[in-house]
Amino acid sequence: MNPDSSSPAGGRRKRRLPRSFKELTPSHEFSPRAFFREMVWKAFVTKRAGQRRRPVFPRLHPGEVALTWIGHASFLIQFPHLNVLVDPNFANWLFLLKRQKHAGLSLLDLPRVEVVLLTHAHFDHFHKPTLRRLPSPKIAVVPWGVGDLADGLGFDRVIELEWWESFTRGDLTVTLTPSNHWGARVLRDHHRGYGGFLIESQGRRIYHAGDSAYFDGFKEVGQRAPPEIALLPIGAYHPEGMRRVHMGPQDAIKVFRELRARWLVPMHYGSFRLSFEDLEEPPRWLEELAIRDGLIQHLRILEEGQPERF
C-alpha cells in the first residue's frame, strides 16, 4: 500500500509537506516542463474526439443488467428497477487538463438515479460540478472520511463505508473493497478513504475497482465475493513509476484471473491525459494480451454512451 495512506484499521503516519513538484505526482518523475508539454499543451492543441449520443436504454427483465460507459471511470449501471451511477464525470476540463474525448452522453439524458457511488475524492472521480447537476433525491455512498465533501451537492443521504462494510437498500447491496491507491483531495487531507465497490442486485454482482495499482487485495475479493463483471482500470501507467498507484493492461489481465470474473470491462483510459502513454494504446494492448492468453471471449470493450446488456 502507499506508505503515506491511512486505512480504517491502521494508524496514520505523519505526512510531511512535499519539497518539489515531483513529489506531488504519483511517480515522482514528472518535471514541470514535461507535465506542461505532455498533459496540458499537447491536449490543448488536440481536437476533442468522440461524440455525445442520445442513448437508447434497454428494457430490462428480472435478473438482467445493463452498463453504459460514460467515459474515464464513469458508469451507469441499470437493473430493472434501479439505476446506479459510479464516479460520474461529465467535465470538459479538469483545471488545466482538457478532456480528450467527449462524454458518451449528455448528463441531461441520464435516467433517474437512486444511488451514486464515489470511489475516492480525486477530482477526476469526485467531480462536484457534475454531482451538483444530478437531480434529487439520491443517496451517495463514499469511503470513510469523504462524506463532508458531499455537503451542499443535493444528496438526501450520504453513507460512509470502511473496507468490507456494506450498505443495503431493497435488494441492492453495495460493499466497499480495498484498493492500492490514496484518497487525499488536496495536499494535507490524507485522512480520506478510497476503494472499489461490489454492487449486487437480483443475483448479479459487478465490481468497480476504482483507482488502484496491483496488490494482493484483488485475490481477497475473488475469494470472498467473485464478481461476474469486473470494471478494471487500464490507463495512466507510463512512466513505470505510475504503476505505484495505477494499473496497466498486463495488471488488469492478472486481476481479472484473480477475481474469477466472467467479463472484463476496461475503463480509466482515453478521456483525460494523466500520463505519457498514447491514449489509444491501453485498449489495443489489452486486446492483444486477451488474444494471447485465450481470454478474448471474456473481454467487453464498451463504446462511450452505448448501453450494453449483460
C-alpha atoms as a PDB file:
ATOM      1  CA  MET A   1       0.000   0.000   0.000  1.00  0.00           C
ATOM      2  CA  ASN A   2       1.029   3.633  -0.334  1.00  0.00           C
ATOM      3  CA  PRO A   3       3.042   4.264   2.858  1.00  0.00           C
ATOM      4  CA  ASP A   4       1.551   7.714   3.318  1.00  0.00           C
ATOM      5  CA  SER A   5      -2.028   6.456   3.180  1.00  0.00           C
ATOM      6  CA  SER A   6      -4.275   5.759   6.143  1.00  0.00           C
ATOM      7  CA  SER A   7      -6.631   2.816   6.406  1.00  0.00           C
ATOM      8  CA  PRO A   8      -9.658   2.390   8.638  1.00  0.00           C
ATOM      9  CA  ALA A   9      -7.947  -0.402  10.530  1.00  0.00           C
ATOM     10  CA  GLY A  10      -4.455   1.067  10.932  1.00  0.00           C
ATOM     11  CA  GLY A  11      -2.726   4.083  12.362  1.00  0.00           C
ATOM     12  CA  ARG A  12      -1.808   7.189  10.431  1.00  0.00           C
ATOM     13  CA  ARG A  13       1.719   8.183   9.586  1.00  0.00           C
ATOM     14  CA  LYS A  14       2.618  11.850   9.860  1.00  0.00           C
ATOM     15  CA  ARG A  15       2.836  13.333   6.392  1.00  0.00           C
ATOM     16  CA  ARG A  16       5.476  15.933   5.616  1.00  0.00           C
ATOM     17  CA  LEU A  17       4.967  18.705   3.096  1.00  0.00           C
ATOM     18  CA  PRO A  18       6.276  17.987  -0.425  1.00  0.00           C
ATOM     19  CA  ARG A  19       9.628  19.507  -1.251  1.00  0.00           C
ATOM     20  CA  SER A  20       9.242  19.654  -5.033  1.00  0.00           C
ATOM     21  CA  PHE A  21       6.770  19.367  -7.908  1.00  0.00           C
ATOM     22  CA  LYS A  22       7.882  15.768  -8.459  1.00  0.00           C
ATOM     23  CA  GLU A  23       6.630  14.772  -5.025  1.00  0.00           C
ATOM     24  CA  LEU A  24       3.121  15.934  -5.971  1.00  0.00           C
ATOM     25  CA  THR A  25       2.936  13.245  -8.668  1.00  0.00           C
ATOM     26  CA  PRO A  26       2.480   9.501  -8.135  1.00  0.00           C
ATOM     27  CA  SER A  27       5.653   8.539  -9.980  1.00  0.00           C
ATOM     28  CA  HIS A  28       7.880  11.313  -8.537  1.00  0.00           C
ATOM     29  CA  GLU A  29       9.174  11.554 -12.114  1.00  0.00           C
ATOM     30  CA  PHE A  30       7.226  14.353 -13.812  1.00  0.00           C
ATOM     31  CA  SER A  31       9.096  17.597 -14.246  1.00  0.00           C
ATOM     32  CA  PRO A  32       7.060  20.805 -14.594  1.00  0.00           C
ATOM     33  CA  ARG A  33       8.229  21.137 -18.205  1.00  0.00           C
ATOM     34  CA  ALA A  34       7.273  17.551 -19.129  1.00  0.00           C
ATOM     35  CA  PHE A  35       3.918  17.874 -17.355  1.00  0.00           C
ATOM     36  CA  PHE A  36       3.016  21.058 -19.208  1.00  0.00           C
ATOM     37  CA  ARG A  37       4.182  19.712 -22.589  1.00  0.00           C
ATOM     38  CA  GLU A  38       2.530  16.278 -22.361  1.00  0.00           C
ATOM     39  CA  MET A  39      -0.549  16.848 -20.205  1.00  0.00           C
ATOM     40  CA  VAL A  40      -1.513  20.440 -20.927  1.00  0.00           C
ATOM     41  CA  TRP A  41      -0.123  21.716 -24.229  1.00  0.00           C
ATOM     42  CA  LYS A  42      -0.493  18.571 -26.346  1.00  0.00           C
ATOM     43  CA  ALA A  43      -4.002  18.045 -25.008  1.00  0.00           C
ATOM     44  CA  PHE A  44      -4.931  21.681 -25.607  1.00  0.00           C
ATOM     45  CA  VAL A  45      -3.959  21.627 -29.301  1.00  0.00           C
ATOM     46  CA  THR A  46      -5.620  18.249 -29.937  1.00  0.00           C
ATOM     47  CA  LYS A  47      -9.213  18.330 -31.148  1.00  0.00           C
ATOM     48  CA  ARG A  48     -11.577  16.593 -28.758  1.00  0.00           C
ATOM     49  CA  ALA A  49     -12.613  13.235 -30.202  1.00  0.00           C
ATOM     50  CA  GLY A  50     -15.829  11.239 -29.925  1.00  0.00           C
ATOM     51  CA  GLN A  51     -19.387  12.463 -29.730  1.00  0.00           C
ATOM     52  CA  ARG A  52     -22.280  12.511 -27.352  1.00  0.00           C
ATOM     53  CA  ARG A  53     -25.173  10.349 -28.395  1.00  0.00           C
ATOM     54  CA  ARG A  54     -28.729  10.052 -27.182  1.00  0.00           C
ATOM     55  CA  PRO A  55     -28.732   6.606 -25.590  1.00  0.00           C
ATOM     56  CA  VAL A  56     -31.481   4.065 -26.043  1.00  0.00           C
ATOM     57  CA  PHE A  57     -31.631   2.329 -22.693  1.00  0.00           C
ATOM     58  CA  PRO A  58     -32.839  -1.273 -22.900  1.00  0.00           C
ATOM     59  CA  ARG A  59     -35.980  -2.514 -21.201  1.00  0.00           C
ATOM     60  CA  LEU A  60     -34.600  -4.990 -18.705  1.00  0.00           C
ATOM     61  CA  HIS A  61     -36.220  -8.174 -17.482  1.00  0.00           C
ATOM     62  CA  PRO A  62     -35.715  -9.508 -13.942  1.00  0.00           C
ATOM     63  CA  GLY A  63     -32.139 -10.664 -13.490  1.00  0.00           C
ATOM     64  CA  GLU A  64     -30.755  -8.546 -16.343  1.00  0.00           C
ATOM     65  CA  VAL A  65     -28.277  -5.671 -16.004  1.00  0.00           C
ATOM     66  CA  ALA A  66     -27.110  -3.006 -18.464  1.00  0.00           C
ATOM     67  CA  LEU A  67     -23.900  -0.987 -18.360  1.00  0.00           C
ATOM     68  CA  THR A  68     -23.291   2.345 -20.037  1.00  0.00           C
ATOM     69  CA  TRP A  69     -19.726   3.629 -20.018  1.00  0.00           C
ATOM     70  CA  ILE A  70     -19.834   7.418 -19.835  1.00  0.00           C
ATOM     71  CA  GLY A  71     -16.049   7.691 -20.121  1.00  0.00           C
ATOM     72  CA  HIS A  72     -12.999   7.565 -17.821  1.00  0.00           C
ATOM     73  CA  ALA A  73     -14.205   5.705 -14.675  1.00  0.00           C
ATOM     74  CA  SER A  74     -17.866   6.792 -15.016  1.00  0.00           C
ATOM     75  CA  PHE A  75     -20.573   4.166 -15.458  1.00  0.00           C
ATOM     76  CA  LEU A  76     -24.337   3.973 -15.359  1.00  0.00           C
ATOM     77  CA  ILE A  77     -25.360   0.552 -14.027  1.00  0.00           C
ATOM     78  CA  GLN A  78     -29.019  -0.322 -14.616  1.00  0.00           C
ATOM     79  CA  PHE A  79     -31.063  -3.039 -13.010  1.00  0.00           C
ATOM     80  CA  PRO A  80     -34.767  -3.447 -13.930  1.00  0.00           C
ATOM     81  CA  HIS A  81     -35.992  -1.126 -11.160  1.00  0.00           C
ATOM     82  CA  LEU A  82     -32.828   0.666 -10.027  1.00  0.00           C
ATOM     83  CA  ASN A  83     -30.157   2.913 -11.565  1.00  0.00           C
ATOM     84  CA  VAL A  84     -26.697   3.352 -10.038  1.00  0.00           C
ATOM     85  CA  LEU A  85     -24.002   5.859 -11.068  1.00  0.00           C
ATOM     86  CA  VAL A  86     -20.327   5.300 -10.315  1.00  0.00           C
ATOM     87  CA  ASP A  87     -17.801   8.177 -10.313  1.00  0.00           C
ATOM     88  CA  PRO A  88     -19.846  10.385 -12.690  1.00  0.00           C
ATOM     89  CA  ASN A  89     -17.739  12.975 -14.503  1.00  0.00           C
ATOM     90  CA  PHE A  90     -19.071  14.977 -17.449  1.00  0.00           C
ATOM     91  CA  ALA A  91     -16.368  17.683 -17.326  1.00  0.00           C
ATOM     92  CA  ASN A  92     -14.756  19.008 -20.483  1.00  0.00           C
ATOM     93  CA  TRP A  93     -11.912  20.384 -18.371  1.00  0.00           C
ATOM     94  CA  LEU A  94     -10.275  19.421 -15.073  1.00  0.00           C
ATOM     95  CA  PHE A  95      -8.464  22.642 -14.290  1.00  0.00           C
ATOM     96  CA  LEU A  96      -5.723  22.695 -16.994  1.00  0.00           C
ATOM     97  CA  LEU A  97      -6.468  19.181 -18.223  1.00  0.00           C
ATOM     98  CA  LYS A  98      -8.660  19.096 -21.326  1.00  0.00           C
ATOM     99  CA  ARG A  99     -10.965  16.138 -21.832  1.00  0.00           C
ATOM    100  CA  GLN A 100      -9.688  14.372 -24.946  1.00  0.00           C
ATOM    101  CA  LYS A 101     -12.889  12.511 -25.772  1.00  0.00           C
ATOM    102  CA  HIS A 102     -16.459  13.662 -25.254  1.00  0.00           C
ATOM    103  CA  ALA A 103     -18.531  12.038 -22.551  1.00  0.00           C
ATOM    104  CA  GLY A 104     -20.601   9.354 -24.230  1.00  0.00           C
ATOM    105  CA  LEU A 105     -23.922  11.012 -23.450  1.00  0.00           C
ATOM    106  CA  SER A 106     -25.292  14.226 -22.049  1.00  0.00           C
ATOM    107  CA  LEU A 107     -25.912  14.482 -18.342  1.00  0.00           C
ATOM    108  CA  LEU A 108     -29.449  15.587 -19.236  1.00  0.00           C
ATOM    109  CA  ASP A 109     -30.065  12.212 -20.907  1.00  0.00           C
ATOM    110  CA  LEU A 110     -29.415  10.227 -17.736  1.00  0.00           C
ATOM    111  CA  PRO A 111     -32.394   8.346 -16.330  1.00  0.00           C
ATOM    112  CA  ARG A 112     -33.416   8.886 -12.719  1.00  0.00           C
ATOM    113  CA  VAL A 113     -30.564   7.714 -10.492  1.00  0.00           C
ATOM    114  CA  GLU A 114     -31.218   6.387  -6.995  1.00  0.00           C
ATOM    115  CA  VAL A 115     -27.669   5.693  -5.756  1.00  0.00           C
ATOM    116  CA  VAL A 116     -24.323   7.360  -6.577  1.00  0.00           C
ATOM    117  CA  LEU A 117     -21.087   5.574  -5.690  1.00  0.00           C
ATOM    118  CA  LEU A 118     -17.873   7.581  -5.352  1.00  0.00           C
ATOM    119  CA  THR A 119     -14.665   5.578  -5.054  1.00  0.00           C
ATOM    120  CA  HIS A 120     -12.418   8.364  -3.726  1.00  0.00           C
ATOM    121  CA  ALA A 121     -12.001  12.123  -3.573  1.00  0.00           C
ATOM    122  CA  HIS A 122      -9.696  12.774  -6.551  1.00  0.00           C
ATOM    123  CA  PHE A 123     -11.067  15.409  -8.887  1.00  0.00           C
ATOM    124  CA  ASP A 124     -11.426  13.060 -11.868  1.00  0.00           C
ATOM    125  CA  HIS A 125     -13.619  10.702  -9.814  1.00  0.00           C
ATOM    126  CA  PHE A 126     -15.396  13.021  -7.356  1.00  0.00           C
ATOM    127  CA  HIS A 127     -16.427  15.831  -9.718  1.00  0.00           C
ATOM    128  CA  LYS A 128     -18.516  18.308  -7.779  1.00  0.00           C
ATOM    129  CA  PRO A 129     -19.979  20.255 -10.759  1.00  0.00           C
ATOM    130  CA  THR A 130     -21.359  17.004 -12.177  1.00  0.00           C
ATOM    131  CA  LEU A 131     -22.746  15.906  -8.818  1.00  0.00           C
ATOM    132  CA  ARG A 132     -24.499  19.255  -8.273  1.00  0.00           C
ATOM    133  CA  ARG A 133     -26.372  18.836 -11.562  1.00  0.00           C
ATOM    134  CA  LEU A 134     -27.750  15.387 -10.794  1.00  0.00           C
ATOM    135  CA  PRO A 135     -31.466  15.549  -9.985  1.00  0.00           C
ATOM    136  CA  SER A 136     -32.550  14.785  -6.412  1.00  0.00           C
ATOM    137  CA  PRO A 137     -33.378  12.706  -4.473  1.00  0.00           C
ATOM    138  CA  LYS A 138     -30.408  10.362  -4.378  1.00  0.00           C
ATOM    139  CA  ILE A 139     -28.095   8.571  -1.973  1.00  0.00           C
ATOM    140  CA  ALA A 140     -24.298   8.873  -2.045  1.00  0.00           C
ATOM    141  CA  VAL A 141     -22.090   6.022  -0.871  1.00  0.00           C
ATOM    142  CA  VAL A 142     -18.475   7.035  -0.225  1.00  0.00           C
ATOM    143  CA  PRO A 143     -15.385   5.763   1.619  1.00  0.00           C
ATOM    144  CA  TRP A 144     -14.638   6.859   5.164  1.00  0.00           C
ATOM    145  CA  GLY A 145     -13.628  10.492   5.574  1.00  0.00           C
ATOM    146  CA  VAL A 146     -15.175  11.626   2.274  1.00  0.00           C
ATOM    147  CA  GLY A 147     -18.727  12.425   3.366  1.00  0.00           C
ATOM    148  CA  ASP A 148     -18.083  16.092   4.164  1.00  0.00           C
ATOM    149  CA  LEU A 149     -17.155  16.727   0.516  1.00  0.00           C
ATOM    150  CA  ALA A 150     -20.727  15.833  -0.447  1.00  0.00           C
ATOM    151  CA  ASP A 151     -22.221  18.628   1.663  1.00  0.00           C
ATOM    152  CA  GLY A 152     -24.270  21.007  -0.461  1.00  0.00           C
ATOM    153  CA  LEU A 153     -24.351  18.713  -3.500  1.00  0.00           C
ATOM    154  CA  GLY A 154     -28.033  17.795  -3.199  1.00  0.00           C
ATOM    155  CA  PHE A 155     -27.815  14.327  -1.717  1.00  0.00           C
ATOM    156  CA  ASP A 156     -30.613  13.189   0.572  1.00  0.00           C
ATOM    157  CA  ARG A 157     -28.272  10.822   2.401  1.00  0.00           C
ATOM    158  CA  VAL A 158     -24.527  10.290   2.466  1.00  0.00           C
ATOM    159  CA  ILE A 159     -23.300   6.884   3.620  1.00  0.00           C
ATOM    160  CA  GLU A 160     -19.641   6.420   4.599  1.00  0.00           C
ATOM    161  CA  LEU A 161     -18.210   2.906   4.498  1.00  0.00           C
ATOM    162  CA  GLU A 162     -14.972   1.313   5.603  1.00  0.00           C
ATOM    163  CA  TRP A 163     -13.425  -1.599   3.743  1.00  0.00           C
ATOM    164  CA  TRP A 164     -15.761  -4.617   3.636  1.00  0.00           C
ATOM    165  CA  GLU A 165     -18.664  -2.658   5.124  1.00  0.00           C
ATOM    166  CA  SER A 166     -21.915  -2.763   3.160  1.00  0.00           C
ATOM    167  CA  PHE A 167     -24.946  -0.586   2.532  1.00  0.00           C
ATOM    168  CA  THR A 168     -28.254  -2.236   1.651  1.00  0.00           C
ATOM    169  CA  ARG A 169     -31.339  -0.643   0.119  1.00  0.00           C
ATOM    170  CA  GLY A 170     -34.055  -3.036  -1.002  1.00  0.00           C
ATOM    171  CA  ASP A 171     -32.355  -5.775  -2.996  1.00  0.00           C
ATOM    172  CA  LEU A 172     -29.266  -3.619  -3.680  1.00  0.00           C
ATOM    173  CA  THR A 173     -26.131  -4.246  -1.616  1.00  0.00           C
ATOM    174  CA  VAL A 174     -23.003  -2.118  -2.050  1.00  0.00           C
ATOM    175  CA  THR A 175     -19.727  -3.127  -0.395  1.00  0.00           C
ATOM    176  CA  LEU A 176     -16.568  -1.019  -0.243  1.00  0.00           C
ATOM    177  CA  THR A 177     -13.493  -3.108  -1.081  1.00  0.00           C
ATOM    178  CA  PRO A 178      -9.780  -2.369  -0.544  1.00  0.00           C
ATOM    179  CA  SER A 179      -7.601  -0.837  -3.240  1.00  0.00           C
ATOM    180  CA  ASN A 180      -3.967   0.244  -3.591  1.00  0.00           C
ATOM    181  CA  HIS A 181      -4.231   3.972  -4.124  1.00  0.00           C
ATOM    182  CA  TRP A 182      -4.600   7.076  -1.953  1.00  0.00           C
ATOM    183  CA  GLY A 183      -7.504   9.321  -1.022  1.00  0.00           C
ATOM    184  CA  ALA A 184      -6.319  12.884  -0.417  1.00  0.00           C
ATOM    185  CA  ARG A 185      -8.113  15.524  -2.483  1.00  0.00           C
ATOM    186  CA  VAL A 186      -5.550  18.203  -1.673  1.00  0.00           C
ATOM    187  CA  LEU A 187      -2.121  18.084  -0.040  1.00  0.00           C
ATOM    188  CA  ARG A 188      -2.993  17.509   3.592  1.00  0.00           C
ATOM    189  CA  ASP A 189      -6.365  15.709   3.806  1.00  0.00           C
ATOM    190  CA  HIS A 190      -4.803  12.263   3.852  1.00  0.00           C
ATOM    191  CA  HIS A 191      -7.478  11.028   6.283  1.00  0.00           C
ATOM    192  CA  ARG A 192      -9.817  10.363   3.367  1.00  0.00           C
ATOM    193  CA  GLY A 193     -10.527   6.806   2.295  1.00  0.00           C
ATOM    194  CA  TYR A 194     -10.567   5.106  -1.093  1.00  0.00           C
ATOM    195  CA  GLY A 195     -11.531   1.773  -2.576  1.00  0.00           C
ATOM    196  CA  GLY A 196     -13.621  -0.122  -5.075  1.00  0.00           C
ATOM    197  CA  PHE A 197     -17.241  -1.286  -4.935  1.00  0.00           C
ATOM    198  CA  LEU A 198     -19.044  -4.587  -5.190  1.00  0.00           C
ATOM    199  CA  ILE A 199     -22.571  -3.892  -6.452  1.00  0.00           C
ATOM    200  CA  GLU A 200     -25.117  -6.702  -6.028  1.00  0.00           C
ATOM    201  CA  SER A 201     -28.763  -6.920  -7.037  1.00  0.00           C
ATOM    202  CA  GLN A 202     -31.068  -9.698  -8.263  1.00  0.00           C
ATOM    203  CA  GLY A 203     -28.295 -12.258  -8.114  1.00  0.00           C
ATOM    204  CA  ARG A 204     -25.879 -10.196 -10.261  1.00  0.00           C
ATOM    205  CA  ARG A 205     -22.549  -8.955  -8.905  1.00  0.00           C
ATOM    206  CA  ILE A 206     -20.493  -6.178 -10.522  1.00  0.00           C
ATOM    207  CA  TYR A 207     -17.099  -4.972  -9.329  1.00  0.00           C
ATOM    208  CA  HIS A 208     -15.802  -1.442  -9.962  1.00  0.00           C
ATOM    209  CA  ALA A 209     -12.158  -1.320  -8.901  1.00  0.00           C
ATOM    210  CA  GLY A 210     -11.905   2.477  -8.650  1.00  0.00           C
ATOM    211  CA  ASP A 211      -8.296   3.615  -8.988  1.00  0.00           C
ATOM    212  CA  SER A 212      -5.709   1.065  -7.909  1.00  0.00           C
ATOM    213  CA  ALA A 213      -2.296  -0.362  -8.519  1.00  0.00           C
ATOM    214  CA  TYR A 214      -1.987  -4.116  -8.438  1.00  0.00           C
ATOM    215  CA  PHE A 215      -1.868  -5.679  -4.954  1.00  0.00           C
ATOM    216  CA  ASP A 216      -2.839  -8.902  -3.215  1.00  0.00           C
ATOM    217  CA  GLY A 217      -6.211  -7.461  -2.180  1.00  0.00           C
ATOM    218  CA  PHE A 218      -7.684  -8.462  -5.534  1.00  0.00           C
ATOM    219  CA  LYS A 219      -7.202 -12.100  -4.566  1.00  0.00           C
ATOM    220  CA  GLU A 220      -9.214 -11.452  -1.428  1.00  0.00           C
ATOM    221  CA  VAL A 221     -12.078 -10.005  -3.462  1.00  0.00           C
ATOM    222  CA  GLY A 222     -12.013 -13.068  -5.705  1.00  0.00           C
ATOM    223  CA  GLN A 223     -12.055 -15.401  -2.726  1.00  0.00           C
ATOM    224  CA  ARG A 224     -14.742 -13.611  -0.710  1.00  0.00           C
ATOM    225  CA  ALA A 225     -17.105 -12.418  -3.432  1.00  0.00           C
ATOM    226  CA  PRO A 226     -16.060 -13.228  -7.011  1.00  0.00           C
ATOM    227  CA  PRO A 227     -17.858 -10.816  -9.356  1.00  0.00           C
ATOM    228  CA  GLU A 228     -19.498 -11.666 -12.636  1.00  0.00           C
ATOM    229  CA  ILE A 229     -18.459  -8.388 -14.304  1.00  0.00           C
ATOM    230  CA  ALA A 230     -15.170  -6.650 -13.465  1.00  0.00           C
ATOM    231  CA  LEU A 231     -14.727  -2.980 -14.384  1.00  0.00           C
ATOM    232  CA  LEU A 232     -10.954  -2.571 -14.292  1.00  0.00           C
ATOM    233  CA  PRO A 233      -8.690   0.451 -14.940  1.00  0.00           C
ATOM    234  CA  ILE A 234      -6.084   0.042 -17.682  1.00  0.00           C
ATOM    235  CA  GLY A 235      -4.674   3.553 -18.235  1.00  0.00           C
ATOM    236  CA  ALA A 236      -2.224   6.066 -16.700  1.00  0.00           C
ATOM    237  CA  TYR A 237       0.676   3.615 -16.305  1.00  0.00           C
ATOM    238  CA  HIS A 238       3.638   5.279 -18.051  1.00  0.00           C
ATOM    239  CA  PRO A 239       6.292   6.068 -16.892  1.00  0.00           C
ATOM    240  CA  GLU A 240       6.739   2.904 -14.859  1.00  0.00           C
ATOM    241  CA  GLY A 241       6.511   4.767 -11.552  1.00  0.00           C
ATOM    242  CA  MET A 242       2.830   5.448 -12.255  1.00  0.00           C
ATOM    243  CA  ARG A 243       2.162   1.774 -11.562  1.00  0.00           C
ATOM    244  CA  ARG A 244       2.634   2.546  -7.888  1.00  0.00           C
ATOM    245  CA  VAL A 245      -0.961   3.807  -7.979  1.00  0.00           C
ATOM    246  CA  HIS A 246      -2.448   2.689 -11.341  1.00  0.00           C
ATOM    247  CA  MET A 247      -2.746  -0.498 -13.393  1.00  0.00           C
ATOM    248  CA  GLY A 248      -1.874  -1.163 -16.999  1.00  0.00           C
ATOM    249  CA  PRO A 249      -3.336  -3.837 -19.295  1.00  0.00           C
ATOM    250  CA  GLN A 250      -0.960  -6.535 -18.010  1.00  0.00           C
ATOM    251  CA  ASP A 251      -2.115  -5.895 -14.455  1.00  0.00           C
ATOM    252  CA  ALA A 252      -5.771  -5.922 -15.497  1.00  0.00           C
ATOM    253  CA  ILE A 253      -5.422  -9.370 -17.075  1.00  0.00           C
ATOM    254  CA  LYS A 254      -3.819 -10.688 -13.881  1.00  0.00           C
ATOM    255  CA  VAL A 255      -6.503  -9.091 -11.709  1.00  0.00           C
ATOM    256  CA  PHE A 256      -9.279 -10.480 -13.893  1.00  0.00           C
ATOM    257  CA  ARG A 257      -7.977 -14.008 -13.335  1.00  0.00           C
ATOM    258  CA  GLU A 258      -7.637 -13.481  -9.585  1.00  0.00           C
ATOM    259  CA  LEU A 259     -11.177 -12.085  -9.331  1.00  0.00           C
ATOM    260  CA  ARG A 260     -12.513 -15.180 -11.123  1.00  0.00           C
ATOM    261  CA  ALA A 261     -14.879 -12.941 -13.076  1.00  0.00           C
ATOM    262  CA  ARG A 262     -16.697 -13.768 -16.295  1.00  0.00           C
ATOM    263  CA  TRP A 263     -16.424 -10.411 -18.079  1.00  0.00           C
ATOM    264  CA  LEU A 264     -13.587  -7.864 -18.157  1.00  0.00           C
ATOM    265  CA  VAL A 265     -14.735  -4.338 -18.979  1.00  0.00           C
ATOM    266  CA  PRO A 266     -11.834  -1.841 -19.191  1.00  0.00           C
ATOM    267  CA  MET A 267     -12.038   1.769 -18.022  1.00  0.00           C
ATOM    268  CA  HIS A 268      -9.873   4.717 -16.939  1.00  0.00           C
ATOM    269  CA  TYR A 269      -8.382   5.437 -20.349  1.00  0.00           C
ATOM    270  CA  GLY A 270      -8.996   7.662 -23.351  1.00  0.00           C
ATOM    271  CA  SER A 271     -10.741  10.606 -21.665  1.00  0.00           C
ATOM    272  CA  PHE A 272      -8.060  12.593 -19.813  1.00  0.00           C
ATOM    273  CA  ARG A 273      -4.325  12.554 -20.413  1.00  0.00           C
ATOM    274  CA  LEU A 274      -2.990  11.623 -16.977  1.00  0.00           C
ATOM    275  CA  SER A 275       0.315  10.040 -18.040  1.00  0.00           C
ATOM    276  CA  PHE A 276       2.620   9.663 -21.027  1.00  0.00           C
ATOM    277  CA  GLU A 277       1.321   6.622 -22.927  1.00  0.00           C
ATOM    278  CA  ASP A 278      -0.673   7.199 -26.115  1.00  0.00           C
ATOM    279  CA  LEU A 279      -4.387   7.444 -25.366  1.00  0.00           C
ATOM    280  CA  GLU A 280      -5.185   4.665 -27.847  1.00  0.00           C
ATOM    281  CA  GLU A 281      -2.559   2.268 -26.508  1.00  0.00           C
ATOM    282  CA  PRO A 282      -4.288   0.741 -23.432  1.00  0.00           C
ATOM    283  CA  PRO A 283      -7.293  -0.932 -25.148  1.00  0.00           C
ATOM    284  CA  ARG A 284      -5.164  -2.058 -28.094  1.00  0.00           C
ATOM    285  CA  TRP A 285      -2.604  -3.653 -25.785  1.00  0.00           C
ATOM    286  CA  LEU A 286      -5.321  -5.200 -23.617  1.00  0.00           C
ATOM    287  CA  GLU A 287      -6.927  -6.828 -26.644  1.00  0.00           C
ATOM    288  CA  GLU A 288      -3.565  -8.249 -27.758  1.00  0.00           C
ATOM    289  CA  LEU A 289      -2.998  -9.721 -24.303  1.00  0.00           C
ATOM    290  CA  ALA A 290      -6.516 -11.174 -24.165  1.00  0.00           C
ATOM    291  CA  ILE A 291      -5.980 -12.893 -27.534  1.00  0.00           C
ATOM    292  CA  ARG A 292      -2.590 -14.206 -26.413  1.00  0.00           C
ATOM    293  CA  ASP A 293      -3.995 -15.590 -23.161  1.00  0.00           C
ATOM    294  CA  GLY A 294      -7.166 -17.086 -24.649  1.00  0.00           C
ATOM    295  CA  LEU A 295      -9.430 -14.591 -22.875  1.00  0.00           C
ATOM    296  CA  ILE A 296     -10.771 -12.599 -25.803  1.00  0.00           C
ATOM    297  CA  GLN A 297     -14.249 -14.127 -25.400  1.00  0.00           C
ATOM    298  CA  HIS A 298     -14.359 -12.610 -21.891  1.00  0.00           C
ATOM    299  CA  LEU A 299     -13.344  -9.078 -22.948  1.00  0.00           C
ATOM    300  CA  ARG A 300     -16.068  -6.449 -23.467  1.00  0.00           C
ATOM    301  CA  ILE A 301     -14.651  -3.105 -24.618  1.00  0.00           C
ATOM    302  CA  LEU A 302     -17.567  -0.691 -24.365  1.00  0.00           C
ATOM    303  CA  GLU A 303     -18.170   2.330 -26.556  1.00  0.00           C
ATOM    304  CA  GLU A 304     -18.920   5.505 -24.625  1.00  0.00           C
ATOM    305  CA  GLY A 305     -22.632   6.248 -24.460  1.00  0.00           C
ATOM    306  CA  GLN A 306     -23.741   2.869 -25.810  1.00  0.00           C
ATOM    307  CA  PRO A 307     -25.710   0.770 -23.284  1.00  0.00           C
ATOM    308  CA  GLU A 308     -24.741  -2.895 -23.241  1.00  0.00           C
ATOM    309  CA  ARG A 309     -26.933  -5.636 -21.793  1.00  0.00           C
ATOM    310  CA  PHE A 310     -25.257  -8.368 -19.721  1.00  0.00           C
END
